[in-house]
Amino acid sequence: MFLEVYAIPLNDYSKETDASVRPENKRLIEMTGVRIRSSSKFQDRAEVVLPNGDILLAVGGYDDLIQRLENAQTVIAHA
């Protein structure tokens, strides 16, 4: 399974997430070996911890991200 994310440097983070959701920031990450946790820096956000130790800040909280992943399990592929 892959997760579509928008890679946004923490320096550019703001509550106005739509400003950062641009095609040049879009990435696909493989979910194998990935961990999801609540962010210690931002109460309203979750973090995606990659196998190499990189941490991605999610646009949404832990429960929101888990719900999105559960809903995506029924999707086989996107064209």
PDB file of N, CA and C in Angstrom:
ATOM      1  N   MET A   1       0.844  -1.172   0.000  1.00  0.00           N
ATOM      2  CA  MET A   1       0.000   0.000   0.000  1.00  0.00           C
ATOM      3  C   MET A   1       0.891   1.237   0.000  1.00  0.00           C
ATOM      4  N   PHE A   2       0.452   2.224  -0.745  1.00  0.00           N
ATOM      5  CA  PHE A   2       1.144   3.500  -0.792  1.00  0.00           C
ATOM      6  C   PHE A   2       0.245   4.588  -0.228  1.00  0.00           C
ATOM      7  N   LEU A   3       0.854   5.593   0.344  1.00  0.00           N
ATOM      8  CA  LEU A   3       0.137   6.724   0.900  1.00  0.00           C
ATOM      9  C   LEU A   3       0.583   7.972   0.150  1.00  0.00           C
ATOM     10  N   GLU A   4      -0.386   8.748  -0.338  1.00  0.00           N
ATOM     11  CA  GLU A   4      -0.062  10.000  -1.012  1.00  0.00           C
ATOM     12  C   GLU A   4       0.082  11.084   0.038  1.00  0.00           C
ATOM     13  N   VAL A   5       1.206  11.760   0.029  1.00  0.00           N
ATOM     14  CA  VAL A   5       1.475  12.816   1.003  1.00  0.00           C
ATOM     15  C   VAL A   5       1.989  14.052   0.275  1.00  0.00           C
ATOM     16  N   TYR A   6       2.017  15.132   0.994  1.00  0.00           N
ATOM     17  CA  TYR A   6       2.609  16.367   0.504  1.00  0.00           C
ATOM     18  C   TYR A   6       3.776  16.696   1.419  1.00  0.00           C
ATOM     19  N   ALA A   7       4.983  16.674   0.866  1.00  0.00           N
ATOM     20  CA  ALA A   7       6.194  16.905   1.643  1.00  0.00           C
ATOM     21  C   ALA A   7       6.359  18.407   1.866  1.00  0.00           C
ATOM     22  N   ILE A   8       6.223  18.811   3.112  1.00  0.00           N
ATOM     23  CA  ILE A   8       6.301  20.217   3.472  1.00  0.00           C
ATOM     24  C   ILE A   8       7.337  20.364   4.588  1.00  0.00           C
ATOM     25  N   PRO A   9       8.393  21.139   4.364  1.00  0.00           N
ATOM     26  CA  PRO A   9       9.372  21.342   5.436  1.00  0.00           C
ATOM     27  C   PRO A   9       8.715  21.946   6.671  1.00  0.00           C
ATOM     28  N   LEU A  10       9.151  21.529   7.847  1.00  0.00           N
ATOM     29  CA  LEU A  10       8.570  22.060   9.082  1.00  0.00           C
ATOM     30  C   LEU A  10       8.647  23.584   9.135  1.00  0.00           C
ATOM     31  N   ASN A  11       9.688  24.169   8.541  1.00  0.00           N
ATOM     32  CA  ASN A  11       9.821  25.635   8.538  1.00  0.00           C
ATOM     33  C   ASN A  11       8.655  26.302   7.813  1.00  0.00           C
ATOM     34  N   ASP A  12       8.044  25.597   6.860  1.00  0.00           N
ATOM     35  CA  ASP A  12       6.937  26.145   6.070  1.00  0.00           C
ATOM     36  C   ASP A  12       5.574  25.761   6.622  1.00  0.00           C
ATOM     37  N   TYR A  13       5.527  25.037   7.734  1.00  0.00           N
ATOM     38  CA  TYR A  13       4.263  24.581   8.293  1.00  0.00           C
ATOM     39  C   TYR A  13       3.444  25.756   8.800  1.00  0.00           C
ATOM     40  N   SER A  14       2.160  25.712   8.510  1.00  0.00           N
ATOM     41  CA  SER A  14       1.233  26.681   9.075  1.00  0.00           C
ATOM     42  C   SER A  14      -0.143  26.032   9.132  1.00  0.00           C
ATOM     43  N   LYS A  15      -1.083  26.669   9.794  1.00  0.00           N
ATOM     44  CA  LYS A  15      -2.448  26.164   9.864  1.00  0.00           C
ATOM     45  C   LYS A  15      -3.105  26.198   8.483  1.00  0.00           C
ATOM     46  N   GLU A  16      -2.595  27.042   7.597  1.00  0.00           N
ATOM     47  CA  GLU A  16      -3.140  27.163   6.240  1.00  0.00           C
ATOM     48  C   GLU A  16      -2.529  26.075   5.366  1.00  0.00           C
ATOM     49  N   THR A  17      -2.940  24.826   5.594  1.00  0.00           N
ATOM     50  CA  THR A  17      -2.330  23.702   4.888  1.00  0.00           C
ATOM     51  C   THR A  17      -2.588  23.738   3.392  1.00  0.00           C
ATOM     52  N   ASP A  18      -3.701  24.330   2.974  1.00  0.00           N
ATOM     53  CA  ASP A  18      -3.989  24.387   1.541  1.00  0.00           C
ATOM     54  C   ASP A  18      -2.904  25.111   0.765  1.00  0.00           C
ATOM     55  N   ALA A  19      -2.217  26.043   1.391  1.00  0.00           N
ATOM     56  CA  ALA A  19      -1.157  26.788   0.713  1.00  0.00           C
ATOM     57  C   ALA A  19       0.009  25.877   0.355  1.00  0.00           C
ATOM     58  N   SER A  20       0.195  24.784   1.086  1.00  0.00           N
ATOM     59  CA  SER A  20       1.313  23.869   0.851  1.00  0.00           C
ATOM     60  C   SER A  20       0.947  22.680  -0.026  1.00  0.00           C
ATOM     61  N   VAL A  21      -0.339  22.471  -0.257  1.00  0.00           N
ATOM     62  CA  VAL A  21      -0.791  21.341  -1.060  1.00  0.00           C
ATOM     63  C   VAL A  21      -0.694  21.731  -2.534  1.00  0.00           C
ATOM     64  N   ARG A  22       0.528  21.567  -3.057  1.00  0.00           N
ATOM     65  CA  ARG A  22       0.821  21.914  -4.450  1.00  0.00           C
ATOM     66  C   ARG A  22       1.405  20.688  -5.132  1.00  0.00           C
ATOM     67  N   PRO A  23       1.216  20.560  -6.441  1.00  0.00           N
ATOM     68  CA  PRO A  23       1.720  19.376  -7.163  1.00  0.00           C
ATOM     69  C   PRO A  23       3.207  19.095  -6.926  1.00  0.00           C
ATOM     70  N   GLU A  24       4.012  20.110  -6.816  1.00  0.00           N
ATOM     71  CA  GLU A  24       5.456  19.886  -6.637  1.00  0.00           C
ATOM     72  C   GLU A  24       5.799  19.310  -5.265  1.00  0.00           C
ATOM     73  N   ASN A  25       4.863  19.355  -4.321  1.00  0.00           N
ATOM     74  CA  ASN A  25       5.099  18.793  -2.985  1.00  0.00           C
ATOM     75  C   ASN A  25       4.563  17.371  -2.834  1.00  0.00           C
ATOM     76  N   LYS A  26       3.863  16.854  -3.867  1.00  0.00           N
ATOM     77  CA  LYS A  26       3.225  15.540  -3.769  1.00  0.00           C
ATOM     78  C   LYS A  26       4.263  14.417  -3.814  1.00  0.00           C
ATOM     79  N   ARG A  27       4.084  13.414  -2.935  1.00  0.00           N
ATOM     80  CA  ARG A  27       4.959  12.245  -2.876  1.00  0.00           C
ATOM     81  C   ARG A  27       4.103  11.011  -2.599  1.00  0.00           C
ATOM     82  N   LEU A  28       4.585   9.845  -3.036  1.00  0.00           N
ATOM     83  CA  LEU A  28       3.988   8.565  -2.659  1.00  0.00           C
ATOM     84  C   LEU A  28       4.988   7.852  -1.766  1.00  0.00           C
ATOM     85  N   ILE A  29       4.535   7.360  -0.624  1.00  0.00           N
ATOM     86  CA  ILE A  29       5.429   6.604   0.248  1.00  0.00           C
ATOM     87  C   ILE A  29       4.856   5.216   0.436  1.00  0.00           C
ATOM     88  N   GLU A  30       5.736   4.233   0.451  1.00  0.00           N
ATOM     89  CA  GLU A  30       5.327   2.850   0.684  1.00  0.00           C
ATOM     90  C   GLU A  30       5.092   2.678   2.177  1.00  0.00           C
ATOM     91  N   MET A  31       3.999   2.019   2.543  1.00  0.00           N
ATOM     92  CA  MET A  31       3.612   1.893   3.938  1.00  0.00           C
ATOM     93  C   MET A  31       4.309   0.748   4.677  1.00  0.00           C
ATOM     94  N   THR A  32       5.094  -0.071   3.986  1.00  0.00           N
ATOM     95  CA  THR A  32       5.800  -1.166   4.637  1.00  0.00           C
ATOM     96  C   THR A  32       6.799  -0.621   5.658  1.00  0.00           C
ATOM     97  N   GLY A  33       6.666  -1.021   6.890  1.00  0.00           N
ATOM     98  CA  GLY A  33       7.598  -0.609   7.937  1.00  0.00           C
ATOM     99  C   GLY A  33       7.360   0.793   8.477  1.00  0.00           C
ATOM    100  N   VAL A  34       6.264   1.431   8.087  1.00  0.00           N
ATOM    101  CA  VAL A  34       5.959   2.789   8.528  1.00  0.00           C
ATOM    102  C   VAL A  34       5.188   2.736   9.842  1.00  0.00           C
ATOM    103  N   ARG A  35       5.465   3.689  10.725  1.00  0.00           N
ATOM    104  CA  ARG A  35       4.719   3.808  11.983  1.00  0.00           C
ATOM    105  C   ARG A  35       3.959   5.131  11.988  1.00  0.00           C
ATOM    106  N   ILE A  36       2.808   5.138  12.611  1.00  0.00           N
ATOM    107  CA  ILE A  36       1.996   6.343  12.774  1.00  0.00           C
ATOM    108  C   ILE A  36       1.954   6.660  14.264  1.00  0.00           C
ATOM    109  N   ARG A  37       2.136   7.932  14.609  1.00  0.00           N
ATOM    110  CA  ARG A  37       2.069   8.333  16.014  1.00  0.00           C
ATOM    111  C   ARG A  37       1.538   9.767  16.100  1.00  0.00           C
ATOM    112  N   SER A  38       1.089  10.149  17.282  1.00  0.00           N
ATOM    113  CA  SER A  38       0.685  11.528  17.519  1.00  0.00           C
ATOM    114  C   SER A  38       1.934  12.398  17.527  1.00  0.00           C
ATOM    115  N   SER A  39       1.803  13.612  17.041  1.00  0.00           N
ATOM    116  CA  SER A  39       2.942  14.522  17.011  1.00  0.00           C
ATOM    117  C   SER A  39       3.191  15.099  18.395  1.00  0.00           C
ATOM    118  N   SER A  40       4.439  15.148  18.791  1.00  0.00           N
ATOM    119  CA  SER A  40       4.788  15.764  20.073  1.00  0.00           C
ATOM    120  C   SER A  40       4.921  17.280  19.934  1.00  0.00           C
ATOM    121  N   LYS A  41       5.031  17.778  18.701  1.00  0.00           N
ATOM    122  CA  LYS A  41       5.209  19.219  18.470  1.00  0.00           C
ATOM    123  C   LYS A  41       3.893  19.943  18.178  1.00  0.00           C
ATOM    124  N   PHE A  42       2.940  19.222  17.556  1.00  0.00           N
ATOM    125  CA  PHE A  42       1.675  19.835  17.153  1.00  0.00           C
ATOM    126  C   PHE A  42       0.531  18.920  17.585  1.00  0.00           C
ATOM    127  N   GLN A  43      -0.292  19.371  18.527  1.00  0.00           N
ATOM    128  CA  GLN A  43      -1.356  18.535  19.086  1.00  0.00           C
ATOM    129  C   GLN A  43      -2.370  18.087  18.042  1.00  0.00           C
ATOM    130  N   ASP A  44      -2.573  18.874  16.996  1.00  0.00           N
ATOM    131  CA  ASP A  44      -3.599  18.562  16.003  1.00  0.00           C
ATOM    132  C   ASP A  44      -3.061  17.740  14.836  1.00  0.00           C
ATOM    133  N   ARG A  45      -1.840  17.230  14.940  1.00  0.00           N
ATOM    134  CA  ARG A  45      -1.214  16.515  13.840  1.00  0.00           C
ATOM    135  C   ARG A  45      -0.702  15.144  14.273  1.00  0.00           C
ATOM    136  N   ALA A  46      -0.578  14.265  13.269  1.00  0.00           N
ATOM    137  CA  ALA A  46       0.063  12.967  13.466  1.00  0.00           C
ATOM    138  C   ALA A  46       1.401  13.000  12.731  1.00  0.00           C
ATOM    139  N   GLU A  47       2.240  12.053  13.057  1.00  0.00           N
ATOM    140  CA  GLU A  47       3.526  11.912  12.365  1.00  0.00           C
ATOM    141  C   GLU A  47       3.604  10.529  11.733  1.00  0.00           C
ATOM    142  N   VAL A  48       4.187  10.480  10.550  1.00  0.00           N
ATOM    143  CA  VAL A  48       4.447   9.233   9.851  1.00  0.00           C
ATOM    144  C   VAL A  48       5.948   9.011   9.954  1.00  0.00           C
ATOM    145  N   VAL A  49       6.353   7.941  10.639  1.00  0.00           N
ATOM    146  CA  VAL A  49       7.771   7.648  10.839  1.00  0.00           C
ATOM    147  C   VAL A  49       8.184   6.591   9.811  1.00  0.00           C
ATOM    148  N   LEU A  50       9.076   6.976   8.903  1.00  0.00           N
ATOM    149  CA  LEU A  50       9.543   6.076   7.852  1.00  0.00           C
ATOM    150  C   LEU A  50      10.606   5.125   8.387  1.00  0.00           C
ATOM    151  N   PRO A  51      10.819   3.991   7.725  1.00  0.00           N
ATOM    152  CA  PRO A  51      11.821   3.025   8.186  1.00  0.00           C
ATOM    153  C   PRO A  51      13.231   3.612   8.334  1.00  0.00           C
ATOM    154  N   ASN A  52      13.566   4.638   7.535  1.00  0.00           N
ATOM    155  CA  ASN A  52      14.902   5.232   7.624  1.00  0.00           C
ATOM    156  C   ASN A  52      15.010   6.278   8.732  1.00  0.00           C
ATOM    157  N   GLY A  53      13.916   6.482   9.483  1.00  0.00           N
ATOM    158  CA  GLY A  53      13.928   7.422  10.595  1.00  0.00           C
ATOM    159  C   GLY A  53      13.379   8.798  10.254  1.00  0.00           C
ATOM    160  N   ASP A  54      13.168   9.098   8.973  1.00  0.00           N
ATOM    161  CA  ASP A  54      12.567  10.373   8.593  1.00  0.00           C
ATOM    162  C   ASP A  54      11.160  10.457   9.158  1.00  0.00           C
ATOM    163  N   ILE A  55      10.756  11.659   9.534  1.00  0.00           N
ATOM    164  CA  ILE A  55       9.434  11.880  10.103  1.00  0.00           C
ATOM    165  C   ILE A  55       8.681  12.871   9.227  1.00  0.00           C
ATOM    166  N   LEU A  56       7.475  12.465   8.797  1.00  0.00           N
ATOM    167  CA  LEU A  56       6.611  13.326   8.014  1.00  0.00           C
ATOM    168  C   LEU A  56       5.464  13.796   8.890  1.00  0.00           C
ATOM    169  N   LEU A  57       5.155  15.072   8.829  1.00  0.00           N
ATOM    170  CA  LEU A  57       4.045  15.629   9.578  1.00  0.00           C
ATOM    171  C   LEU A  57       2.788  15.505   8.731  1.00  0.00           C
ATOM    172  N   ALA A  58       1.771  14.850   9.267  1.00  0.00           N
ATOM    173  CA  ALA A  58       0.533  14.609   8.519  1.00  0.00           C
ATOM    174  C   ALA A  58      -0.404  15.805   8.629  1.00  0.00           C
ATOM    175  N   VAL A  59      -1.215  15.994   7.582  1.00  0.00           N
ATOM    176  CA  VAL A  59      -2.255  17.010   7.619  1.00  0.00           C
ATOM    177  C   VAL A  59      -3.482  16.344   8.231  1.00  0.00           C
ATOM    178  N   GLY A  60      -3.496  16.290   9.540  1.00  0.00           N
ATOM    179  CA  GLY A  60      -4.569  15.651  10.284  1.00  0.00           C
ATOM    180  C   GLY A  60      -4.015  15.009  11.531  1.00  0.00           C
ATOM    181  N   GLY A  61      -4.899  14.712  12.442  1.00  0.00           N
ATOM    182  CA  GLY A  61      -4.510  14.078  13.689  1.00  0.00           C
ATOM    183  C   GLY A  61      -4.369  12.569  13.545  1.00  0.00           C
ATOM    184  N   TYR A  62      -3.945  11.928  14.608  1.00  0.00           N
ATOM    185  CA  TYR A  62      -3.719  10.488  14.617  1.00  0.00           C
ATOM    186  C   TYR A  62      -4.977   9.723  14.227  1.00  0.00           C
ATOM    187  N   ASP A  63      -6.097  10.007  14.899  1.00  0.00           N
ATOM    188  CA  ASP A  63      -7.348   9.292  14.613  1.00  0.00           C
ATOM    189  C   ASP A  63      -7.801   9.521  13.172  1.00  0.00           C
ATOM    190  N   ASP A  64      -7.649  10.743  12.680  1.00  0.00           N
ATOM    191  CA  ASP A  64      -8.023  11.068  11.307  1.00  0.00           C
ATOM    192  C   ASP A  64      -7.190  10.269  10.312  1.00  0.00           C
ATOM    193  N   LEU A  65      -5.890  10.205  10.546  1.00  0.00           N
ATOM    194  CA  LEU A  65      -4.999   9.481   9.639  1.00  0.00           C
ATOM    195  C   LEU A  65      -5.292   7.985   9.653  1.00  0.00           C
ATOM    196  N   ILE A  66      -5.526   7.417  10.817  1.00  0.00           N
ATOM    197  CA  ILE A  66      -5.856   5.992  10.917  1.00  0.00           C
ATOM    198  C   ILE A  66      -7.160   5.711  10.180  1.00  0.00           C
ATOM    199  N   GLN A  67      -8.146   6.587  10.329  1.00  0.00           N
ATOM    200  CA  GLN A  67      -9.416   6.406   9.629  1.00  0.00           C
ATOM    201  C   GLN A  67      -9.219   6.447   8.110  1.00  0.00           C
ATOM    202  N   ARG A  68      -8.386   7.372   7.637  1.00  0.00           N
ATOM    203  CA  ARG A  68      -8.111   7.454   6.202  1.00  0.00           C
ATOM    204  C   ARG A  68      -7.442   6.175   5.699  1.00  0.00           C
ATOM    205  N   LEU A  69      -6.530   5.626   6.473  1.00  0.00           N
ATOM    206  CA  LEU A  69      -5.857   4.391   6.070  1.00  0.00           C
ATOM    207  C   LEU A  69      -6.833   3.212   6.067  1.00  0.00           C
ATOM    208  N   GLU A  70      -7.709   3.148   7.063  1.00  0.00           N
ATOM    209  CA  GLU A  70      -8.704   2.067   7.091  1.00  0.00           C
ATOM    210  C   GLU A  70      -9.630   2.150   5.880  1.00  0.00           C
ATOM    211  N   ASN A  71     -10.034   3.357   5.516  1.00  0.00           N
ATOM    212  CA  ASN A  71     -10.897   3.543   4.344  1.00  0.00           C
ATOM    213  C   ASN A  71     -10.171   3.197   3.064  1.00  0.00           C
ATOM    214  N   ALA A  72      -8.880   3.428   3.010  1.00  0.00           N
ATOM    215  CA  ALA A  72      -8.100   3.183   1.793  1.00  0.00           C
ATOM    216  C   ALA A  72      -7.817   1.697   1.569  1.00  0.00           C
ATOM    217  N   GLN A  73      -7.966   0.865   2.588  1.00  0.00           N
ATOM    218  CA  GLN A  73      -7.661  -0.557   2.447  1.00  0.00           C
ATOM    219  C   GLN A  73      -8.545  -1.236   1.415  1.00  0.00           C
ATOM    220  N   THR A  74      -9.698  -0.670   1.137  1.00  0.00           N
ATOM    221  CA  THR A  74     -10.587  -1.278   0.162  1.00  0.00           C
ATOM    222  C   THR A  74     -10.229  -0.870  -1.264  1.00  0.00           C
ATOM    223  N   VAL A  75      -9.332   0.081  -1.415  1.00  0.00           N
ATOM    224  CA  VAL A  75      -8.915   0.546  -2.746  1.00  0.00           C
ATOM    225  C   VAL A  75      -7.772  -0.327  -3.236  1.00  0.00           C
ATOM    226  N   ILE A  76      -7.905  -0.865  -4.429  1.00  0.00           N
ATOM    227  CA  ILE A  76      -6.858  -1.722  -4.974  1.00  0.00           C
ATOM    228  C   ILE A  76      -5.820  -0.915  -5.721  1.00  0.00           C
ATOM    229  N   ALA A  77      -6.265   0.038  -6.529  1.00  0.00           N
ATOM    230  CA  ALA A  77      -5.324   0.862  -7.293  1.00  0.00           C
ATOM    231  C   ALA A  77      -6.005   2.134  -7.743  1.00  0.00           C
ATOM    232  N   HIS A  78      -5.214   3.148  -7.935  1.00  0.00           N
ATOM    233  CA  HIS A  78      -5.685   4.401  -8.512  1.00  0.00           C
ATOM    234  C   HIS A  78      -5.052   4.561  -9.881  1.00  0.00           C
ATOM    235  N   ALA A  79      -5.810   5.044 -10.835  1.00  0.00           N
ATOM    236  CA  ALA A  79      -5.264   5.297 -12.174  1.00  0.00           C
ATOM    237  C   ALA A  79      -4.680   6.680 -12.232  1.00  0.00           C
TER     238      ALA A  79
END
